[in-house]
Every structure is written in C-alpha cells, then in structure tokens.
C-alpha cells in the first residue's frame, strides 16, 4: 500500500508537469477527419441487427450512420443506454451535460437521443484535459470539433467541472475517476482526484426531477460506485451490465442512475 502511494505520487508529479505544458502549448494537427461507414457492406450478427433495427424504429440514425465503423458502433451502444435508462421530458426546454467528454466521439448519440423528444435543448460537454494528445497527433479538442460540427447548440467546454455552475435536466458521466490509478494512467495530477466532491457537485447541478446516469468500467469499480452512493446516502437505481453487442470495449460496463 505504501509502495503504491509513493508510485502514484511520483506519477502525479510527472503528470502535473505534463498537464501544465500541454495546457500552455496547445499543440495539435488541425482539421481532423474520418470517412463514413458504408452500411451496404457492413455485416451484422443477429444480436447487432436486432439492436440496430430496434433503435432505428425509435430514432433518426442519420447522424450516427455518418460515422466511421468504430464510432458508428460506439454511438449505437451509447444510444441504447440512453434509451434504457433515461425518461423523456417534453414539457420544457432542456439542458444536457456530459462530464469528462475527452474526444466526445459519442456526441452524436446524445444529440440523436435528446432531439427525438425535444427540439429545444442545449448539449454541453466539459473536459478538464482537452489538449491531451492522441497517437495521431490530434488533441482531444481538435477531434471533438469533428464529432460535433453538425450539432446545433452543442458546446465543448474547457474547464474544471467543480467550477461549473450551470444547472441541467440531464447529466451523463462516463467512467468517473473513483480510484486513483485510472486518473494517474490518464495523465492527471492527484489533486484532481475528488470522487465524493465531484459526485455531490454533479447532483447539485441537477435541476429538480433531473436525471444523471453514471457508467463504470468493470464490476469492481461498479461496486466502489455503489459504496460511494451508500456513504453519501444518495438514492439511486442500478441497471447492472449494459451488454456490448458490438464488442467495442475490453472491459464490461455497468450503469446506474440518480434522480433528484
């Protein structure tokens, strides 16, 4: 345990230096682009075909179909989660927040879902580390421009979520840092490891009757998330594992929801 502490501390110091550099240099290639999938040559398994047909019967998939194969599958997976977990509010203009958007390569699934029942909505994504470089020498911010370029009233916000004050009807939080190791692995300093504070702040940003879904990676993190709910006395609903019919992820993903 002591060894892990000093290892994480050492990596955190390195991450602090790297984080400072990339946020002041902001280097990236420009004009990121991907070719769209050719659905005529795309083969589905029986499960994949069933999921696709089910979603297509409920949603306009034109945006998600205008994507590469990998992103097409990712957006279908995410859209399925929203379809399962979120209720639909049609009686007011709505606002949506995605916490920790990274490249925001699933933004089209969020836009498609909320547009299906409410034409008047704002979709915001917030990212603390937007200038982290991908292996192709595009940073997250530049890549996000490509994935959100056709999405009206959609904004990629650069900043610390804990300093964000706007209220929302829906919040989406994918893979929150609830243990130190993933945060260190993704290049952030340990000072940003604040799972309790961030969860309470997210709930504070929910409007009355607002809904937030949280997606965890692996059963162990899912249990830690549940322990966090219990410790903070937060009512929630568990959805368990969300099947990855397209085989996108290495590890299983689990979902839970908070209703304010």
C-alpha atoms as a PDB file:
ATOM      1  CA  UNK A   1       0.000   0.000   0.000  1.00  0.00           C
ATOM      2  CA  UNK A   2       2.810   2.400   0.952  1.00  0.00           C
ATOM      3  CA  UNK A   3       4.657   1.474  -2.255  1.00  0.00           C
ATOM      4  CA  UNK A   4       1.560   2.243  -4.345  1.00  0.00           C
ATOM      5  CA  UNK A   5       1.165   5.592  -2.590  1.00  0.00           C
ATOM      6  CA  UNK A   6       4.696   6.713  -3.472  1.00  0.00           C
ATOM      7  CA  UNK A   7       4.378   5.366  -7.030  1.00  0.00           C
ATOM      8  CA  UNK A   8       1.170   7.328  -7.570  1.00  0.00           C
ATOM      9  CA  UNK A   9       2.754  10.391  -6.003  1.00  0.00           C
ATOM     10  CA  UNK A  10       5.726  10.154  -8.362  1.00  0.00           C
ATOM     11  CA  UNK A  11       3.500   9.742 -11.412  1.00  0.00           C
ATOM     12  CA  UNK A  12       1.329  12.600 -10.181  1.00  0.00           C
ATOM     13  CA  UNK A  13       4.318  14.959 -10.123  1.00  0.00           C
ATOM     14  CA  UNK A  14       5.182  13.963 -13.687  1.00  0.00           C
ATOM     15  CA  UNK A  15       1.529  14.353 -14.717  1.00  0.00           C
ATOM     16  CA  UNK A  16       1.430  17.827 -13.155  1.00  0.00           C
ATOM     17  CA  UNK A  17       4.374  18.930 -15.286  1.00  0.00           C
ATOM     18  CA  UNK A  18       2.964  17.372 -18.470  1.00  0.00           C
ATOM     19  CA  UNK A  19      -0.509  18.771 -17.769  1.00  0.00           C
ATOM     20  CA  UNK A  20       0.942  22.265 -17.348  1.00  0.00           C
ATOM     21  CA  UNK A  21       2.916  22.004 -20.601  1.00  0.00           C
ATOM     22  CA  UNK A  22       0.080  20.794 -22.817  1.00  0.00           C
ATOM     23  CA  UNK A  23      -2.336  23.387 -21.463  1.00  0.00           C
ATOM     24  CA  UNK A  24       0.115  26.160 -22.323  1.00  0.00           C
ATOM     25  CA  UNK A  25       1.425  24.847 -25.646  1.00  0.00           C
ATOM     26  CA  UNK A  26      -1.906  23.506 -27.050  1.00  0.00           C
ATOM     27  CA  UNK A  27      -0.181  21.681 -29.902  1.00  0.00           C
ATOM     28  CA  UNK A  28      -2.259  19.681 -32.369  1.00  0.00           C
ATOM     29  CA  UNK A  29      -2.699  18.853 -36.011  1.00  0.00           C
ATOM     30  CA  UNK A  30      -5.767  20.579 -37.465  1.00  0.00           C
ATOM     31  CA  UNK A  31      -8.903  19.546 -39.370  1.00  0.00           C
ATOM     32  CA  UNK A  32      -9.405  16.024 -38.032  1.00  0.00           C
ATOM     33  CA  UNK A  33     -11.492  13.833 -40.364  1.00  0.00           C
ATOM     34  CA  UNK A  34     -12.839  10.270 -40.622  1.00  0.00           C
ATOM     35  CA  UNK A  35     -14.525   8.521 -43.531  1.00  0.00           C
ATOM     36  CA  UNK A  36     -18.112   7.360 -43.021  1.00  0.00           C
ATOM     37  CA  UNK A  37     -19.149   3.731 -42.873  1.00  0.00           C
ATOM     38  CA  UNK A  38     -20.619   2.052 -45.953  1.00  0.00           C
ATOM     39  CA  UNK A  39     -23.717   0.409 -44.484  1.00  0.00           C
ATOM     40  CA  UNK A  40     -24.257  -1.626 -47.670  1.00  0.00           C
ATOM     41  CA  UNK A  41     -21.049  -3.508 -46.941  1.00  0.00           C
ATOM     42  CA  UNK A  42     -21.477  -3.700 -43.169  1.00  0.00           C
ATOM     43  CA  UNK A  43     -22.315  -7.153 -41.811  1.00  0.00           C
ATOM     44  CA  UNK A  44     -24.278  -7.606 -38.585  1.00  0.00           C
ATOM     45  CA  UNK A  45     -24.617 -10.522 -36.250  1.00  0.00           C
ATOM     46  CA  UNK A  46     -28.178 -11.444 -35.279  1.00  0.00           C
ATOM     47  CA  UNK A  47     -27.907  -9.541 -31.978  1.00  0.00           C
ATOM     48  CA  UNK A  48     -26.379  -6.495 -33.648  1.00  0.00           C
ATOM     49  CA  UNK A  49     -29.069  -6.451 -36.323  1.00  0.00           C
ATOM     50  CA  UNK A  50     -31.811  -6.689 -33.719  1.00  0.00           C
ATOM     51  CA  UNK A  51     -30.370  -3.784 -31.715  1.00  0.00           C
ATOM     52  CA  UNK A  52     -29.882  -1.650 -34.832  1.00  0.00           C
ATOM     53  CA  UNK A  53     -33.446  -2.251 -36.038  1.00  0.00           C
ATOM     54  CA  UNK A  54     -34.861  -1.502 -32.590  1.00  0.00           C
ATOM     55  CA  UNK A  55     -33.011   1.817 -32.349  1.00  0.00           C
ATOM     56  CA  UNK A  56     -33.806   2.751 -35.947  1.00  0.00           C
ATOM     57  CA  UNK A  57     -37.532   2.280 -35.209  1.00  0.00           C
ATOM     58  CA  UNK A  58     -37.293   4.934 -32.462  1.00  0.00           C
ATOM     59  CA  UNK A  59     -34.597   7.348 -33.592  1.00  0.00           C
ATOM     60  CA  UNK A  60     -33.280   9.127 -36.675  1.00  0.00           C
ATOM     61  CA  UNK A  61     -29.900   7.432 -37.057  1.00  0.00           C
ATOM     62  CA  UNK A  62     -28.694   9.566 -39.973  1.00  0.00           C
ATOM     63  CA  UNK A  63     -26.111  11.327 -37.806  1.00  0.00           C
ATOM     64  CA  UNK A  64     -24.711   8.147 -36.297  1.00  0.00           C
ATOM     65  CA  UNK A  65     -24.632   6.452 -39.706  1.00  0.00           C
ATOM     66  CA  UNK A  66     -22.472   9.298 -40.990  1.00  0.00           C
ATOM     67  CA  UNK A  67     -19.507   7.989 -38.988  1.00  0.00           C
ATOM     68  CA  UNK A  68     -16.655   5.528 -39.204  1.00  0.00           C
ATOM     69  CA  UNK A  69     -17.475   1.908 -38.311  1.00  0.00           C
ATOM     70  CA  UNK A  70     -15.935   2.190 -34.835  1.00  0.00           C
ATOM     71  CA  UNK A  71     -17.770   5.412 -33.996  1.00  0.00           C
ATOM     72  CA  UNK A  72     -20.996   4.111 -35.529  1.00  0.00           C
ATOM     73  CA  UNK A  73     -20.894   1.137 -33.146  1.00  0.00           C
ATOM     74  CA  UNK A  74     -19.987   3.340 -30.183  1.00  0.00           C
ATOM     75  CA  UNK A  75     -22.879   5.699 -30.839  1.00  0.00           C
ATOM     76  CA  UNK A  76     -25.349   2.822 -31.150  1.00  0.00           C
ATOM     77  CA  UNK A  77     -24.093   1.429 -27.844  1.00  0.00           C
ATOM     78  CA  UNK A  78     -24.478   4.780 -26.093  1.00  0.00           C
ATOM     79  CA  UNK A  79     -27.870   5.480 -27.666  1.00  0.00           C
ATOM     80  CA  UNK A  80     -29.071   2.124 -26.376  1.00  0.00           C
ATOM     81  CA  UNK A  81     -28.021   3.093 -22.840  1.00  0.00           C
ATOM     82  CA  UNK A  82     -29.937   6.367 -23.030  1.00  0.00           C
ATOM     83  CA  UNK A  83     -32.954   4.539 -24.420  1.00  0.00           C
ATOM     84  CA  UNK A  84     -32.883   2.104 -21.492  1.00  0.00           C
ATOM     85  CA  UNK A  85     -32.067   4.482 -18.651  1.00  0.00           C
ATOM     86  CA  UNK A  86     -33.412   7.984 -19.302  1.00  0.00           C
ATOM     87  CA  UNK A  87     -37.019   9.117 -19.147  1.00  0.00           C
ATOM     88  CA  UNK A  88     -38.120  11.746 -21.687  1.00  0.00           C
ATOM     89  CA  UNK A  89     -39.232  15.258 -20.774  1.00  0.00           C
ATOM     90  CA  UNK A  90     -41.218  17.063 -23.458  1.00  0.00           C
ATOM     91  CA  UNK A  91     -42.781  19.824 -21.372  1.00  0.00           C
ATOM     92  CA  UNK A  92     -39.835  22.249 -21.325  1.00  0.00           C
ATOM     93  CA  UNK A  93     -36.624  23.292 -22.986  1.00  0.00           C
ATOM     94  CA  UNK A  94     -33.896  21.026 -21.650  1.00  0.00           C
ATOM     95  CA  UNK A  95     -30.197  21.215 -20.967  1.00  0.00           C
ATOM     96  CA  UNK A  96     -27.754  18.322 -21.012  1.00  0.00           C
ATOM     97  CA  UNK A  97     -24.229  17.997 -19.630  1.00  0.00           C
ATOM     98  CA  UNK A  98     -21.615  15.370 -20.445  1.00  0.00           C
ATOM     99  CA  UNK A  99     -18.872  15.252 -17.785  1.00  0.00           C
ATOM    100  CA  UNK A 100     -15.353  14.372 -18.950  1.00  0.00           C
ATOM    101  CA  UNK A 101     -16.044  14.389 -22.684  1.00  0.00           C
ATOM    102  CA  UNK A 102     -12.484  13.590 -23.840  1.00  0.00           C
ATOM    103  CA  UNK A 103     -12.716  13.393 -27.694  1.00  0.00           C
ATOM    104  CA  UNK A 104     -16.540  13.415 -27.447  1.00  0.00           C
ATOM    105  CA  UNK A 105     -16.764  10.764 -30.142  1.00  0.00           C
ATOM    106  CA  UNK A 106     -20.211   9.699 -28.870  1.00  0.00           C
ATOM    107  CA  UNK A 107     -21.749  13.204 -29.019  1.00  0.00           C
ATOM    108  CA  UNK A 108     -23.990  12.220 -31.943  1.00  0.00           C
ATOM    109  CA  UNK A 109     -25.715   9.568 -29.821  1.00  0.00           C
ATOM    110  CA  UNK A 110     -26.522  12.169 -27.163  1.00  0.00           C
ATOM    111  CA  UNK A 111     -27.758  14.643 -29.754  1.00  0.00           C
ATOM    112  CA  UNK A 112     -29.853  11.999 -31.536  1.00  0.00           C
ATOM    113  CA  UNK A 113     -31.488  10.848 -28.305  1.00  0.00           C
ATOM    114  CA  UNK A 114     -32.488  14.260 -26.965  1.00  0.00           C
ATOM    115  CA  UNK A 115     -33.577  15.587 -30.340  1.00  0.00           C
ATOM    116  CA  UNK A 116     -36.004  12.659 -30.618  1.00  0.00           C
ATOM    117  CA  UNK A 117     -38.322  14.143 -27.987  1.00  0.00           C
ATOM    118  CA  UNK A 118     -37.323  17.764 -27.556  1.00  0.00           C
ATOM    119  CA  UNK A 119     -36.243  20.114 -30.357  1.00  0.00           C
ATOM    120  CA  UNK A 120     -35.191  22.826 -27.903  1.00  0.00           C
ATOM    121  CA  UNK A 121     -32.172  21.646 -25.976  1.00  0.00           C
ATOM    122  CA  UNK A 122     -28.602  22.601 -25.186  1.00  0.00           C
ATOM    123  CA  UNK A 123     -25.903  19.923 -25.121  1.00  0.00           C
ATOM    124  CA  UNK A 124     -22.693  20.766 -23.279  1.00  0.00           C
ATOM    125  CA  UNK A 125     -19.605  18.645 -22.788  1.00  0.00           C
ATOM    126  CA  UNK A 126     -16.953  19.644 -20.265  1.00  0.00           C
ATOM    127  CA  UNK A 127     -13.357  18.426 -20.292  1.00  0.00           C
ATOM    128  CA  UNK A 128     -10.534  19.233 -17.875  1.00  0.00           C
ATOM    129  CA  UNK A 129      -7.747  17.932 -20.130  1.00  0.00           C
ATOM    130  CA  UNK A 130      -8.691  18.929 -23.716  1.00  0.00           C
ATOM    131  CA  UNK A 131      -5.153  19.225 -25.034  1.00  0.00           C
ATOM    132  CA  UNK A 132      -4.073  15.677 -24.240  1.00  0.00           C
ATOM    133  CA  UNK A 133      -2.540  14.301 -27.422  1.00  0.00           C
ATOM    134  CA  UNK A 134      -3.737  11.190 -29.223  1.00  0.00           C
ATOM    135  CA  UNK A 135      -1.316   8.898 -31.046  1.00  0.00           C
ATOM    136  CA  UNK A 136      -2.316  10.532 -34.357  1.00  0.00           C
ATOM    137  CA  UNK A 137      -1.067  13.935 -33.080  1.00  0.00           C
ATOM    138  CA  UNK A 138      -4.543  15.429 -32.807  1.00  0.00           C
ATOM    139  CA  UNK A 139      -5.537  16.571 -29.351  1.00  0.00           C
ATOM    140  CA  UNK A 140      -8.950  15.909 -27.833  1.00  0.00           C
ATOM    141  CA  UNK A 141     -10.264  19.395 -28.531  1.00  0.00           C
ATOM    142  CA  UNK A 142      -9.439  19.237 -32.257  1.00  0.00           C
ATOM    143  CA  UNK A 143     -11.023  15.786 -32.587  1.00  0.00           C
ATOM    144  CA  UNK A 144     -14.151  16.921 -30.745  1.00  0.00           C
ATOM    145  CA  UNK A 145     -14.668  19.661 -33.356  1.00  0.00           C
ATOM    146  CA  UNK A 146     -15.149  16.970 -35.995  1.00  0.00           C
ATOM    147  CA  UNK A 147     -17.652  14.961 -33.970  1.00  0.00           C
ATOM    148  CA  UNK A 148     -19.760  17.999 -33.031  1.00  0.00           C
ATOM    149  CA  UNK A 149     -19.539  20.137 -36.181  1.00  0.00           C
ATOM    150  CA  UNK A 150     -23.114  19.423 -37.342  1.00  0.00           C
ATOM    151  CA  UNK A 151     -24.727  19.547 -33.909  1.00  0.00           C
ATOM    152  CA  UNK A 152     -26.659  22.760 -33.199  1.00  0.00           C
ATOM    153  CA  UNK A 153     -26.450  24.251 -29.680  1.00  0.00           C
ATOM    154  CA  UNK A 154     -23.672  21.825 -28.769  1.00  0.00           C
ATOM    155  CA  UNK A 155     -20.664  23.202 -26.909  1.00  0.00           C
ATOM    156  CA  UNK A 156     -17.335  21.699 -25.831  1.00  0.00           C
ATOM    157  CA  UNK A 157     -16.395  23.488 -22.607  1.00  0.00           C
ATOM    158  CA  UNK A 158     -12.779  23.565 -21.490  1.00  0.00           C
ATOM    159  CA  UNK A 159     -12.503  23.719 -17.726  1.00  0.00           C
ATOM    160  CA  UNK A 160     -12.736  22.171 -14.282  1.00  0.00           C
ATOM    161  CA  UNK A 161     -16.138  20.610 -13.660  1.00  0.00           C
ATOM    162  CA  UNK A 162     -16.040  21.671  -9.998  1.00  0.00           C
ATOM    163  CA  UNK A 163     -16.043  25.299 -11.136  1.00  0.00           C
ATOM    164  CA  UNK A 164     -19.010  24.790 -13.464  1.00  0.00           C
ATOM    165  CA  UNK A 165     -22.270  26.277 -12.119  1.00  0.00           C
ATOM    166  CA  UNK A 166     -24.958  25.817 -14.787  1.00  0.00           C
ATOM    167  CA  UNK A 167     -27.973  23.628 -13.910  1.00  0.00           C
ATOM    168  CA  UNK A 168     -29.085  20.700 -16.070  1.00  0.00           C
ATOM    169  CA  UNK A 169     -32.034  18.412 -16.701  1.00  0.00           C
ATOM    170  CA  UNK A 170     -29.778  15.513 -17.693  1.00  0.00           C
ATOM    171  CA  UNK A 171     -26.187  14.644 -16.838  1.00  0.00           C
ATOM    172  CA  UNK A 172     -24.109  11.887 -18.439  1.00  0.00           C
ATOM    173  CA  UNK A 173     -20.947  10.760 -16.673  1.00  0.00           C
ATOM    174  CA  UNK A 174     -18.879   8.048 -18.327  1.00  0.00           C
ATOM    175  CA  UNK A 175     -16.085   6.391 -16.330  1.00  0.00           C
ATOM    176  CA  UNK A 176     -15.705   8.793 -13.394  1.00  0.00           C
ATOM    177  CA  UNK A 177     -12.402   8.546 -11.540  1.00  0.00           C
ATOM    178  CA  UNK A 178     -13.418   6.752  -8.343  1.00  0.00           C
ATOM    179  CA  UNK A 179      -9.983   5.177  -7.778  1.00  0.00           C
ATOM    180  CA  UNK A 180      -6.618   6.850  -8.154  1.00  0.00           C
ATOM    181  CA  UNK A 181      -4.973   4.511 -10.682  1.00  0.00           C
ATOM    182  CA  UNK A 182      -7.134   5.348 -13.748  1.00  0.00           C
ATOM    183  CA  UNK A 183      -6.730   9.072 -13.076  1.00  0.00           C
ATOM    184  CA  UNK A 184      -2.952   8.673 -12.953  1.00  0.00           C
ATOM    185  CA  UNK A 185      -2.997   6.461 -16.064  1.00  0.00           C
ATOM    186  CA  UNK A 186      -4.914   9.124 -17.998  1.00  0.00           C
ATOM    187  CA  UNK A 187      -2.261  11.729 -17.194  1.00  0.00           C
ATOM    188  CA  UNK A 188      -3.917  13.828 -14.496  1.00  0.00           C
ATOM    189  CA  UNK A 189      -2.358  15.061 -11.232  1.00  0.00           C
ATOM    190  CA  UNK A 190      -3.695  13.544  -7.990  1.00  0.00           C
ATOM    191  CA  UNK A 191      -5.059  16.909  -6.889  1.00  0.00           C
ATOM    192  CA  UNK A 192      -7.974  16.258  -9.258  1.00  0.00           C
ATOM    193  CA  UNK A 193      -8.933  13.025  -7.525  1.00  0.00           C
ATOM    194  CA  UNK A 194     -12.090  14.147  -5.704  1.00  0.00           C
ATOM    195  CA  UNK A 195     -14.747  11.476  -6.243  1.00  0.00           C
ATOM    196  CA  UNK A 196     -17.023  12.487  -3.378  1.00  0.00           C
ATOM    197  CA  UNK A 197     -16.820  16.211  -4.052  1.00  0.00           C
ATOM    198  CA  UNK A 198     -17.435  15.732  -7.774  1.00  0.00           C
ATOM    199  CA  UNK A 199     -20.427  13.445  -7.249  1.00  0.00           C
ATOM    200  CA  UNK A 200     -22.053  15.851  -4.805  1.00  0.00           C
ATOM    201  CA  UNK A 201     -21.403  18.756  -7.170  1.00  0.00           C
ATOM    202  CA  UNK A 202     -22.953  16.842 -10.070  1.00  0.00           C
ATOM    203  CA  UNK A 203     -26.089  16.254  -8.010  1.00  0.00           C
ATOM    204  CA  UNK A 204     -26.109  19.937  -7.057  1.00  0.00           C
ATOM    205  CA  UNK A 205     -26.144  20.840 -10.769  1.00  0.00           C
ATOM    206  CA  UNK A 206     -29.192  18.676 -11.434  1.00  0.00           C
ATOM    207  CA  UNK A 207     -32.475  20.547 -11.675  1.00  0.00           C
ATOM    208  CA  UNK A 208     -35.486  19.271  -9.764  1.00  0.00           C
ATOM    209  CA  UNK A 209     -36.543  15.923 -11.258  1.00  0.00           C
ATOM    210  CA  UNK A 210     -33.296  15.930 -13.206  1.00  0.00           C
ATOM    211  CA  UNK A 211     -31.613  12.628 -14.073  1.00  0.00           C
ATOM    212  CA  UNK A 212     -27.971  11.558 -14.149  1.00  0.00           C
ATOM    213  CA  UNK A 213     -26.547   8.291 -15.412  1.00  0.00           C
ATOM    214  CA  UNK A 214     -23.095   7.081 -14.404  1.00  0.00           C
ATOM    215  CA  UNK A 215     -21.254   4.392 -16.342  1.00  0.00           C
ATOM    216  CA  UNK A 216     -18.473   2.441 -14.632  1.00  0.00           C
ATOM    217  CA  UNK A 217     -15.878   0.115 -16.117  1.00  0.00           C
ATOM    218  CA  UNK A 218     -15.706  -3.354 -14.590  1.00  0.00           C
ATOM    219  CA  UNK A 219     -17.563  -4.930 -11.695  1.00  0.00           C
ATOM    220  CA  UNK A 220     -15.043  -3.736  -9.094  1.00  0.00           C
ATOM    221  CA  UNK A 221     -15.480  -0.057  -9.995  1.00  0.00           C
ATOM    222  CA  UNK A 222     -19.243  -0.579 -10.113  1.00  0.00           C
ATOM    223  CA  UNK A 223     -19.141  -1.852  -6.521  1.00  0.00           C
ATOM    224  CA  UNK A 224     -16.985   1.103  -5.466  1.00  0.00           C
ATOM    225  CA  UNK A 225     -19.537   3.423  -7.087  1.00  0.00           C
ATOM    226  CA  UNK A 226     -22.317   1.762  -5.105  1.00  0.00           C
ATOM    227  CA  UNK A 227     -20.301   2.115  -1.891  1.00  0.00           C
ATOM    228  CA  UNK A 228     -19.910   5.805  -2.682  1.00  0.00           C
ATOM    229  CA  UNK A 229     -23.687   6.157  -3.047  1.00  0.00           C
ATOM    230  CA  UNK A 230     -24.166   4.421   0.298  1.00  0.00           C
ATOM    231  CA  UNK A 231     -21.537   6.534   2.072  1.00  0.00           C
ATOM    232  CA  UNK A 232     -23.094   9.782   0.814  1.00  0.00           C
ATOM    233  CA  UNK A 233     -26.660   8.493   1.281  1.00  0.00           C
ATOM    234  CA  UNK A 234     -27.571   9.044  -2.368  1.00  0.00           C
ATOM    235  CA  UNK A 235     -30.717   7.306  -3.676  1.00  0.00           C
ATOM    236  CA  UNK A 236     -30.064   5.568  -6.977  1.00  0.00           C
ATOM    237  CA  UNK A 237     -31.212   2.888  -9.394  1.00  0.00           C
ATOM    238  CA  UNK A 238     -28.921   0.111 -10.603  1.00  0.00           C
ATOM    239  CA  UNK A 239     -29.139  -1.146 -14.186  1.00  0.00           C
ATOM    240  CA  UNK A 240     -26.212  -3.538 -13.989  1.00  0.00           C
ATOM    241  CA  UNK A 241     -24.171  -4.531 -17.011  1.00  0.00           C
ATOM    242  CA  UNK A 242     -25.136  -2.977 -20.338  1.00  0.00           C
ATOM    243  CA  UNK A 243     -24.424  -5.604 -22.978  1.00  0.00           C
ATOM    244  CA  UNK A 244     -21.783  -4.631 -25.518  1.00  0.00           C
ATOM    245  CA  UNK A 245     -23.275  -6.398 -28.541  1.00  0.00           C
ATOM    246  CA  UNK A 246     -20.737  -4.806 -30.897  1.00  0.00           C
ATOM    247  CA  UNK A 247     -17.663  -5.853 -28.920  1.00  0.00           C
ATOM    248  CA  UNK A 248     -16.339  -2.309 -28.595  1.00  0.00           C
ATOM    249  CA  UNK A 249     -14.814  -2.451 -25.132  1.00  0.00           C
ATOM    250  CA  UNK A 250     -12.262  -4.701 -23.484  1.00  0.00           C
ATOM    251  CA  UNK A 251     -13.996  -4.484 -20.095  1.00  0.00           C
ATOM    252  CA  UNK A 252     -17.671  -4.743 -19.195  1.00  0.00           C
ATOM    253  CA  UNK A 253     -19.600  -1.563 -18.426  1.00  0.00           C
ATOM    254  CA  UNK A 254     -22.234  -1.017 -15.783  1.00  0.00           C
ATOM    255  CA  UNK A 255     -24.820   1.724 -15.388  1.00  0.00           C
ATOM    256  CA  UNK A 256     -26.649   3.409 -12.546  1.00  0.00           C
ATOM    257  CA  UNK A 257     -28.988   6.409 -12.360  1.00  0.00           C
ATOM    258  CA  UNK A 258     -29.698   9.205  -9.902  1.00  0.00           C
ATOM    259  CA  UNK A 259     -32.974  11.118  -9.963  1.00  0.00           C
ATOM    260  CA  UNK A 260     -33.090  14.344  -7.979  1.00  0.00           C
END
